[in-house]
Amino acid sequence: MKVIDCIKQAKSTLFSIEILPPLKGKSIQSIFDGIDPLMEFKPSFVDVTYHREEYLYKKRDGGYLEKVSIRKRPGTVGICAAIINKYHVDAIPHIICGGFSKEETENALIDLHFLGIDNVLALRGDSIKSEPEFVPEPNGHAYAIDLVKQVHQMNKGRYIEDDLADVAPTNFCIGIAGYPEKHFEAPNMISDIRYLKAKIDAGAEYIVTQMFFDTAKYFEFIEKCREMSP
């Protein structure tokens, strides 16, 4: 079921879970062990985060250093499929701009579509730890709104290759991130909410807030969002 339908049909507060993929080389059993005790609360869905690559410098023969790309927590798509199969509950993969070209993003979305996954959370993602600011992949997206637009276009049956015949549209419900205490890169709260509204206008259907520590800030955020709604 799409997240937006869960929200619309809810008669009480919804409960959901967000999990991190295990470190490379670890078993998925650690995920199941964490989820099993929570299933009695009947979560509406399970979010599975995505972690981009990191760069390490490894010493090679001759004393020189080689820059090596590693991904410490792979498996987001596979974990989503496993959760759906084991618990019969919707799984929502996070998809990010960082580390992906537009073609790689399209291919990942096709895989998700084939698996019957119809929810995604579209995020820009963090910068690489060694970089002072976010740097998009060559021919990749620099902002979450561009990722939202790509998914929305695929929902209309529009792919990167515009000469495909008999194209089947995807059917993703698109979620985005909101920041009740303001995104750290935004100059002010008003501009931050304007960017948020732009993502909604681009095709996003629901908002997941970042963790907040002041409930008053959350209710102020909700009020500002409503004021900016048409």
Foldseek 3Di string as FASTA:
>chain_A
DAPLVCVVPDPDDADEEEDEAAWPPDDCVVVVVVCVVVCVVPHQEYEYEADAWAWDWDADPPGHTDIDIDGTGDDQLVSQLVCCVPPVHAYEYEDEQAPDALVRLVVVVVVCQVSVHAEYEFFHDAAHPVDPGRDGDVNTDNGSLVVLLQLVCLQVQDHPPRPDPPGDGGHHAYEYEAELPDDPVDPDDLVRLVVVVSSVVSPHDYYDYDDDDDVVSVVVSVVSNVVPDD
